[in-house]
């Protein structure tokens, strides 16, 4: 099951993953959610959050900036 979730997340854009995170947070805020469902949603949310962080880190590492001297460097 975890592999299915990971492969599904890899196919998501960061924007789609953030949208799913918002849905997860909304579901967790529902006072009628069962403990089991809350735990499952929490786990899904944490996996999505890890995916988003990894995606953002990857982009940040590949972004180049221009110094005041006009030189390109990666940060």
PDB file of N, CA and C in Angstrom:
ATOM      1  N   UNK A   1       0.821  -1.194   0.000  1.00  0.00           N
ATOM      2  CA  UNK A   1       0.000   0.000   0.000  1.00  0.00           C
ATOM      3  C   UNK A   1       0.862   1.253   0.000  1.00  0.00           C
ATOM      4  N   UNK A   2       1.951   1.240   0.764  1.00  0.00           N
ATOM      5  CA  UNK A   2       2.828   2.409   0.840  1.00  0.00           C
ATOM      6  C   UNK A   2       3.466   2.694  -0.514  1.00  0.00           C
ATOM      7  N   UNK A   3       3.839   1.642  -1.253  1.00  0.00           N
ATOM      8  CA  UNK A   3       4.426   1.833  -2.575  1.00  0.00           C
ATOM      9  C   UNK A   3       3.429   2.476  -3.523  1.00  0.00           C
ATOM     10  N   UNK A   4       2.171   2.059  -3.441  1.00  0.00           N
ATOM     11  CA  UNK A   4       1.133   2.653  -4.288  1.00  0.00           C
ATOM     12  C   UNK A   4       0.995   4.133  -3.989  1.00  0.00           C
ATOM     13  N   UNK A   5       1.016   4.482  -2.714  1.00  0.00           N
ATOM     14  CA  UNK A   5       0.893   5.881  -2.318  1.00  0.00           C
ATOM     15  C   UNK A   5       2.104   6.678  -2.802  1.00  0.00           C
ATOM     16  N   UNK A   6       3.307   6.107  -2.660  1.00  0.00           N
ATOM     17  CA  UNK A   6       4.511   6.811  -3.085  1.00  0.00           C
ATOM     18  C   UNK A   6       4.520   7.024  -4.591  1.00  0.00           C
ATOM     19  N   UNK A   7       4.124   6.011  -5.370  1.00  0.00           N
ATOM     20  CA  UNK A   7       4.120   6.183  -6.818  1.00  0.00           C
ATOM     21  C   UNK A   7       3.051   7.188  -7.233  1.00  0.00           C
ATOM     22  N   UNK A   8       1.925   7.191  -6.536  1.00  0.00           N
ATOM     23  CA  UNK A   8       0.875   8.162  -6.827  1.00  0.00           C
ATOM     24  C   UNK A   8       1.374   9.579  -6.529  1.00  0.00           C
ATOM     25  N   UNK A   9       2.078   9.760  -5.410  1.00  0.00           N
ATOM     26  CA  UNK A   9       2.583  11.071  -5.040  1.00  0.00           C
ATOM     27  C   UNK A   9       3.639  11.560  -6.022  1.00  0.00           C
ATOM     28  N   UNK A  10       4.457  10.660  -6.530  1.00  0.00           N
ATOM     29  CA  UNK A  10       5.499  11.067  -7.478  1.00  0.00           C
ATOM     30  C   UNK A  10       4.890  11.600  -8.767  1.00  0.00           C
ATOM     31  N   UNK A  11       3.695  11.184  -9.071  1.00  0.00           N
ATOM     32  CA  UNK A  11       3.019  11.652 -10.274  1.00  0.00           C
ATOM     33  C   UNK A  11       2.347  13.002 -10.064  1.00  0.00           C
ATOM     34  N   UNK A  12       2.205  13.431  -8.827  1.00  0.00           N
ATOM     35  CA  UNK A  12       1.552  14.695  -8.509  1.00  0.00           C
ATOM     36  C   UNK A  12       2.488  15.870  -8.732  1.00  0.00           C
ATOM     37  N   UNK A  13       1.904  16.983  -9.116  1.00  0.00           N
ATOM     38  CA  UNK A  13       2.679  18.215  -9.094  1.00  0.00           C
ATOM     39  C   UNK A  13       2.680  18.713  -7.654  1.00  0.00           C
ATOM     40  N   UNK A  14       3.553  19.630  -7.358  1.00  0.00           N
ATOM     41  CA  UNK A  14       3.609  20.187  -6.008  1.00  0.00           C
ATOM     42  C   UNK A  14       2.284  20.867  -5.681  1.00  0.00           C
ATOM     43  N   UNK A  15       1.716  21.544  -6.661  1.00  0.00           N
ATOM     44  CA  UNK A  15       0.438  22.226  -6.437  1.00  0.00           C
ATOM     45  C   UNK A  15      -0.671  21.231  -6.085  1.00  0.00           C
ATOM     46  N   UNK A  16      -0.690  20.092  -6.793  1.00  0.00           N
ATOM     47  CA  UNK A  16      -1.691  19.071  -6.515  1.00  0.00           C
ATOM     48  C   UNK A  16      -1.484  18.475  -5.120  1.00  0.00           C
ATOM     49  N   UNK A  17      -0.230  18.278  -4.750  1.00  0.00           N
ATOM     50  CA  UNK A  17       0.062  17.731  -3.428  1.00  0.00           C
ATOM     51  C   UNK A  17      -0.378  18.702  -2.341  1.00  0.00           C
ATOM     52  N   UNK A  18      -0.134  20.003  -2.544  1.00  0.00           N
ATOM     53  CA  UNK A  18      -0.582  20.993  -1.562  1.00  0.00           C
ATOM     54  C   UNK A  18      -2.108  21.024  -1.478  1.00  0.00           C
ATOM     55  N   UNK A  19      -2.786  20.870  -2.595  1.00  0.00           N
ATOM     56  CA  UNK A  19      -4.252  20.835  -2.587  1.00  0.00           C
ATOM     57  C   UNK A  19      -4.740  19.627  -1.785  1.00  0.00           C
ATOM     58  N   UNK A  20      -4.074  18.492  -1.961  1.00  0.00           N
ATOM     59  CA  UNK A  20      -4.456  17.305  -1.190  1.00  0.00           C
ATOM     60  C   UNK A  20      -4.177  17.508   0.293  1.00  0.00           C
ATOM     61  N   UNK A  21      -3.077  18.208   0.606  1.00  0.00           N
ATOM     62  CA  UNK A  21      -2.781  18.515   2.004  1.00  0.00           C
ATOM     63  C   UNK A  21      -3.883  19.372   2.622  1.00  0.00           C
ATOM     64  N   UNK A  22      -4.358  20.346   1.865  1.00  0.00           N
ATOM     65  CA  UNK A  22      -5.448  21.188   2.364  1.00  0.00           C
ATOM     66  C   UNK A  22      -6.700  20.366   2.639  1.00  0.00           C
ATOM     67  N   UNK A  23      -7.003  19.417   1.748  1.00  0.00           N
ATOM     68  CA  UNK A  23      -8.149  18.537   1.959  1.00  0.00           C
ATOM     69  C   UNK A  23      -7.945  17.687   3.212  1.00  0.00           C
ATOM     70  N   UNK A  24      -6.731  17.217   3.408  1.00  0.00           N
ATOM     71  CA  UNK A  24      -6.423  16.392   4.573  1.00  0.00           C
ATOM     72  C   UNK A  24      -6.607  17.195   5.855  1.00  0.00           C
ATOM     73  N   UNK A  25      -6.120  18.413   5.868  1.00  0.00           N
ATOM     74  CA  UNK A  25      -6.274  19.262   7.049  1.00  0.00           C
ATOM     75  C   UNK A  25      -7.750  19.510   7.335  1.00  0.00           C
ATOM     76  N   UNK A  26      -8.516  19.791   6.296  1.00  0.00           N
ATOM     77  CA  UNK A  26      -9.957  20.012   6.478  1.00  0.00           C
ATOM     78  C   UNK A  26     -10.628  18.775   7.068  1.00  0.00           C
ATOM     79  N   UNK A  27     -10.245  17.612   6.560  1.00  0.00           N
ATOM     80  CA  UNK A  27     -10.829  16.368   7.077  1.00  0.00           C
ATOM     81  C   UNK A  27     -10.456  16.160   8.536  1.00  0.00           C
ATOM     82  N   UNK A  28      -9.226  16.491   8.903  1.00  0.00           N
ATOM     83  CA  UNK A  28      -8.794  16.319  10.286  1.00  0.00           C
ATOM     84  C   UNK A  28      -9.485  17.299  11.236  1.00  0.00           C
ATOM     85  N   UNK A  29      -9.914  18.417  10.715  1.00  0.00           N
ATOM     86  CA  UNK A  29     -10.604  19.405  11.542  1.00  0.00           C
ATOM     87  C   UNK A  29     -12.065  19.047  11.784  1.00  0.00           C
ATOM     88  N   UNK A  30     -12.589  18.068  11.068  1.00  0.00           N
ATOM     89  CA  UNK A  30     -13.973  17.640  11.230  1.00  0.00           C
ATOM     90  C   UNK A  30     -14.130  16.951  12.586  1.00  0.00           C
ATOM     91  N   UNK A  31     -15.001  17.465  13.438  1.00  0.00           N
ATOM     92  CA  UNK A  31     -15.157  16.857  14.765  1.00  0.00           C
ATOM     93  C   UNK A  31     -15.769  15.451  14.718  1.00  0.00           C
ATOM     94  N   UNK A  32     -16.337  15.066  13.603  1.00  0.00           N
ATOM     95  CA  UNK A  32     -16.980  13.753  13.479  1.00  0.00           C
ATOM     96  C   UNK A  32     -16.026  12.664  12.989  1.00  0.00           C
ATOM     97  N   UNK A  33     -14.768  12.994  12.679  1.00  0.00           N
ATOM     98  CA  UNK A  33     -13.830  12.007  12.141  1.00  0.00           C
ATOM     99  C   UNK A  33     -13.471  10.991  13.233  1.00  0.00           C
ATOM    100  N   UNK A  34     -13.422   9.731  12.839  1.00  0.00           N
ATOM    101  CA  UNK A  34     -13.060   8.686  13.802  1.00  0.00           C
ATOM    102  C   UNK A  34     -11.550   8.715  14.044  1.00  0.00           C
ATOM    103  N   UNK A  35     -11.146   8.127  15.131  1.00  0.00           N
ATOM    104  CA  UNK A  35      -9.729   8.083  15.474  1.00  0.00           C
ATOM    105  C   UNK A  35      -8.930   7.353  14.402  1.00  0.00           C
ATOM    106  N   UNK A  36      -9.474   6.249  13.898  1.00  0.00           N
ATOM    107  CA  UNK A  36      -8.788   5.478  12.868  1.00  0.00           C
ATOM    108  C   UNK A  36      -8.627   6.291  11.582  1.00  0.00           C
ATOM    109  N   UNK A  37      -9.699   6.964  11.179  1.00  0.00           N
ATOM    110  CA  UNK A  37      -9.625   7.793   9.975  1.00  0.00           C
ATOM    111  C   UNK A  37      -8.672   8.966  10.171  1.00  0.00           C
ATOM    112  N   UNK A  38      -8.697   9.548  11.356  1.00  0.00           N
ATOM    113  CA  UNK A  38      -7.801  10.670  11.645  1.00  0.00           C
ATOM    114  C   UNK A  38      -6.344  10.223  11.549  1.00  0.00           C
ATOM    115  N   UNK A  39      -6.048   9.058  12.093  1.00  0.00           N
ATOM    116  CA  UNK A  39      -4.682   8.552  12.039  1.00  0.00           C
ATOM    117  C   UNK A  39      -4.256   8.269  10.605  1.00  0.00           C
ATOM    118  N   UNK A  40      -5.143   7.660   9.817  1.00  0.00           N
ATOM    119  CA  UNK A  40      -4.829   7.369   8.419  1.00  0.00           C
ATOM    120  C   UNK A  40      -4.621   8.663   7.640  1.00  0.00           C
ATOM    121  N   UNK A  41      -5.485   9.658   7.865  1.00  0.00           N
ATOM    122  CA  UNK A  41      -5.352  10.952   7.178  1.00  0.00           C
ATOM    123  C   UNK A  41      -4.066  11.653   7.597  1.00  0.00           C
ATOM    124  N   UNK A  42      -3.728  11.560   8.878  1.00  0.00           N
ATOM    125  CA  UNK A  42      -2.489  12.163   9.370  1.00  0.00           C
ATOM    126  C   UNK A  42      -1.289  11.547   8.663  1.00  0.00           C
ATOM    127  N   UNK A  43      -1.267  10.227   8.556  1.00  0.00           N
ATOM    128  CA  UNK A  43      -0.163   9.550   7.873  1.00  0.00           C
ATOM    129  C   UNK A  43      -0.081   9.982   6.412  1.00  0.00           C
ATOM    130  N   UNK A  44      -1.213  10.048   5.722  1.00  0.00           N
ATOM    131  CA  UNK A  44      -1.234  10.507   4.329  1.00  0.00           C
ATOM    132  C   UNK A  44      -0.683  11.923   4.226  1.00  0.00           C
ATOM    133  N   UNK A  45      -1.111  12.773   5.151  1.00  0.00           N
ATOM    134  CA  UNK A  45      -0.649  14.152   5.157  1.00  0.00           C
ATOM    135  C   UNK A  45       0.852  14.255   5.365  1.00  0.00           C
ATOM    136  N   UNK A  46       1.384  13.457   6.249  1.00  0.00           N
ATOM    137  CA  UNK A  46       2.836  13.485   6.494  1.00  0.00           C
ATOM    138  C   UNK A  46       3.604  13.022   5.260  1.00  0.00           C
ATOM    139  N   UNK A  47       3.092  12.013   4.563  1.00  0.00           N
ATOM    140  CA  UNK A  47       3.747  11.555   3.336  1.00  0.00           C
ATOM    141  C   UNK A  47       3.695  12.642   2.257  1.00  0.00           C
ATOM    142  N   UNK A  48       2.553  13.302   2.138  1.00  0.00           N
ATOM    143  CA  UNK A  48       2.433  14.392   1.171  1.00  0.00           C
ATOM    144  C   UNK A  48       3.373  15.539   1.528  1.00  0.00           C
ATOM    145  N   UNK A  49       3.473  15.828   2.809  1.00  0.00           N
ATOM    146  CA  UNK A  49       4.364  16.901   3.256  1.00  0.00           C
ATOM    147  C   UNK A  49       5.824  16.576   2.934  1.00  0.00           C
ATOM    148  N   UNK A  50       6.222  15.324   3.165  1.00  0.00           N
ATOM    149  CA  UNK A  50       7.589  14.912   2.814  1.00  0.00           C
ATOM    150  C   UNK A  50       7.827  15.054   1.316  1.00  0.00           C
ATOM    151  N   UNK A  51       6.832  14.658   0.525  1.00  0.00           N
ATOM    152  CA  UNK A  51       6.933  14.775  -0.923  1.00  0.00           C
ATOM    153  C   UNK A  51       7.099  16.242  -1.341  1.00  0.00           C
ATOM    154  N   UNK A  52       6.285  17.110  -0.766  1.00  0.00           N
ATOM    155  CA  UNK A  52       6.360  18.543  -1.089  1.00  0.00           C
ATOM    156  C   UNK A  52       7.723  19.113  -0.703  1.00  0.00           C
ATOM    157  N   UNK A  53       8.191  18.779   0.496  1.00  0.00           N
ATOM    158  CA  UNK A  53       9.493  19.279   0.934  1.00  0.00           C
ATOM    159  C   UNK A  53      10.614  18.804   0.022  1.00  0.00           C
ATOM    160  N   UNK A  54      10.579  17.541  -0.361  1.00  0.00           N
ATOM    161  CA  UNK A  54      11.608  17.004  -1.245  1.00  0.00           C
ATOM    162  C   UNK A  54      11.556  17.681  -2.611  1.00  0.00           C
ATOM    163  N   UNK A  55      10.358  17.913  -3.123  1.00  0.00           N
ATOM    164  CA  UNK A  55      10.212  18.572  -4.421  1.00  0.00           C
ATOM    165  C   UNK A  55      10.724  20.001  -4.378  1.00  0.00           C
ATOM    166  N   UNK A  56      10.388  20.705  -3.320  1.00  0.00           N
ATOM    167  CA  UNK A  56      10.835  22.088  -3.183  1.00  0.00           C
ATOM    168  C   UNK A  56      12.354  22.141  -3.016  1.00  0.00           C
ATOM    169  N   UNK A  57      12.925  21.230  -2.220  1.00  0.00           N
ATOM    170  CA  UNK A  57      14.377  21.181  -2.055  1.00  0.00           C
ATOM    171  C   UNK A  57      15.069  20.945  -3.390  1.00  0.00           C
ATOM    172  N   UNK A  58      14.512  20.059  -4.183  1.00  0.00           N
ATOM    173  CA  UNK A  58      15.094  19.747  -5.497  1.00  0.00           C
ATOM    174  C   UNK A  58      15.115  20.989  -6.380  1.00  0.00           C
ATOM    175  N   UNK A  59      14.022  21.733  -6.378  1.00  0.00           N
ATOM    176  CA  UNK A  59      13.942  22.950  -7.189  1.00  0.00           C
ATOM    177  C   UNK A  59      14.913  24.004  -6.663  1.00  0.00           C
ATOM    178  N   UNK A  60      14.957  24.176  -5.344  1.00  0.00           N
ATOM    179  CA  UNK A  60      15.852  25.170  -4.764  1.00  0.00           C
ATOM    180  C   UNK A  60      17.309  24.890  -5.117  1.00  0.00           C
ATOM    181  N   UNK A  61      17.679  23.638  -5.127  1.00  0.00           N
ATOM    182  CA  UNK A  61      19.064  23.290  -5.427  1.00  0.00           C
ATOM    183  C   UNK A  61      19.413  23.544  -6.886  1.00  0.00           C
ATOM    184  N   UNK A  62      18.421  23.534  -7.745  1.00  0.00           N
ATOM    185  CA  UNK A  62      18.710  23.726  -9.158  1.00  0.00           C
ATOM    186  C   UNK A  62      18.550  25.178  -9.607  1.00  0.00           C
ATOM    187  N   UNK A  63      18.034  26.024  -8.727  1.00  0.00           N
ATOM    188  CA  UNK A  63      17.860  27.431  -9.077  1.00  0.00           C
ATOM    189  C   UNK A  63      19.211  28.132  -9.025  1.00  0.00           C
ATOM    190  N   UNK A  64      19.438  28.950 -10.002  1.00  0.00           N
ATOM    191  CA  UNK A  64      20.678  29.716 -10.020  1.00  0.00           C
ATOM    192  C   UNK A  64      20.363  31.175  -9.730  1.00  0.00           C
ATOM    193  N   UNK A  65      21.270  31.799  -9.047  1.00  0.00           N
ATOM    194  CA  UNK A  65      21.121  33.214  -8.734  1.00  0.00           C
ATOM    195  C   UNK A  65      22.269  33.984  -9.369  1.00  0.00           C
ATOM    196  N   UNK A  66      22.046  35.247  -9.609  1.00  0.00           N
ATOM    197  CA  UNK A  66      23.081  36.098 -10.191  1.00  0.00           C
ATOM    198  C   UNK A  66      23.599  37.016  -9.093  1.00  0.00           C
ATOM    199  N   UNK A  67      24.908  37.004  -8.894  1.00  0.00           N
ATOM    200  CA  UNK A  67      25.506  37.878  -7.894  1.00  0.00           C
ATOM    201  C   UNK A  67      25.575  39.306  -8.428  1.00  0.00           C
ATOM    202  N   UNK A  68      25.956  40.215  -7.557  1.00  0.00           N
ATOM    203  CA  UNK A  68      26.076  41.620  -7.966  1.00  0.00           C
ATOM    204  C   UNK A  68      27.117  41.798  -9.072  1.00  0.00           C
ATOM    205  N   UNK A  69      28.080  40.901  -9.122  1.00  0.00           N
ATOM    206  CA  UNK A  69      29.114  40.969 -10.153  1.00  0.00           C
ATOM    207  C   UNK A  69      28.670  40.327 -11.458  1.00  0.00           C
ATOM    208  N   UNK A  70      27.455  39.801 -11.509  1.00  0.00           N
ATOM    209  CA  UNK A  70      26.949  39.179 -12.722  1.00  0.00           C
ATOM    210  C   UNK A  70      27.310  37.725 -12.882  1.00  0.00           C
ATOM    211  N   UNK A  71      27.870  37.115 -11.854  1.00  0.00           N
ATOM    212  CA  UNK A  71      28.252  35.708 -11.915  1.00  0.00           C
ATOM    213  C   UNK A  71      27.074  34.836 -11.495  1.00  0.00           C
ATOM    214  N   UNK A  72      26.940  33.687 -12.151  1.00  0.00           N
ATOM    215  CA  UNK A  72      25.907  32.725 -11.795  1.00  0.00           C
ATOM    216  C   UNK A  72      26.436  31.790 -10.713  1.00  0.00           C
ATOM    217  N   UNK A  73      25.592  31.481  -9.766  1.00  0.00           N
ATOM    218  CA  UNK A  73      25.940  30.482  -8.761  1.00  0.00           C
ATOM    219  C   UNK A  73      24.671  29.791  -8.317  1.00  0.00           C
ATOM    220  N   UNK A  74      24.841  28.561  -7.849  1.00  0.00           N
ATOM    221  CA  UNK A  74      23.703  27.807  -7.327  1.00  0.00           C
ATOM    222  C   UNK A  74      23.661  27.961  -5.832  1.00  0.00           C
ATOM    223  N   UNK A  75      22.459  27.976  -5.301  1.00  0.00           N
ATOM    224  CA  UNK A  75      22.316  28.005  -3.847  1.00  0.00           C
ATOM    225  C   UNK A  75      21.397  26.910  -3.391  1.00  0.00           C
TER     226      UNK A  75
END
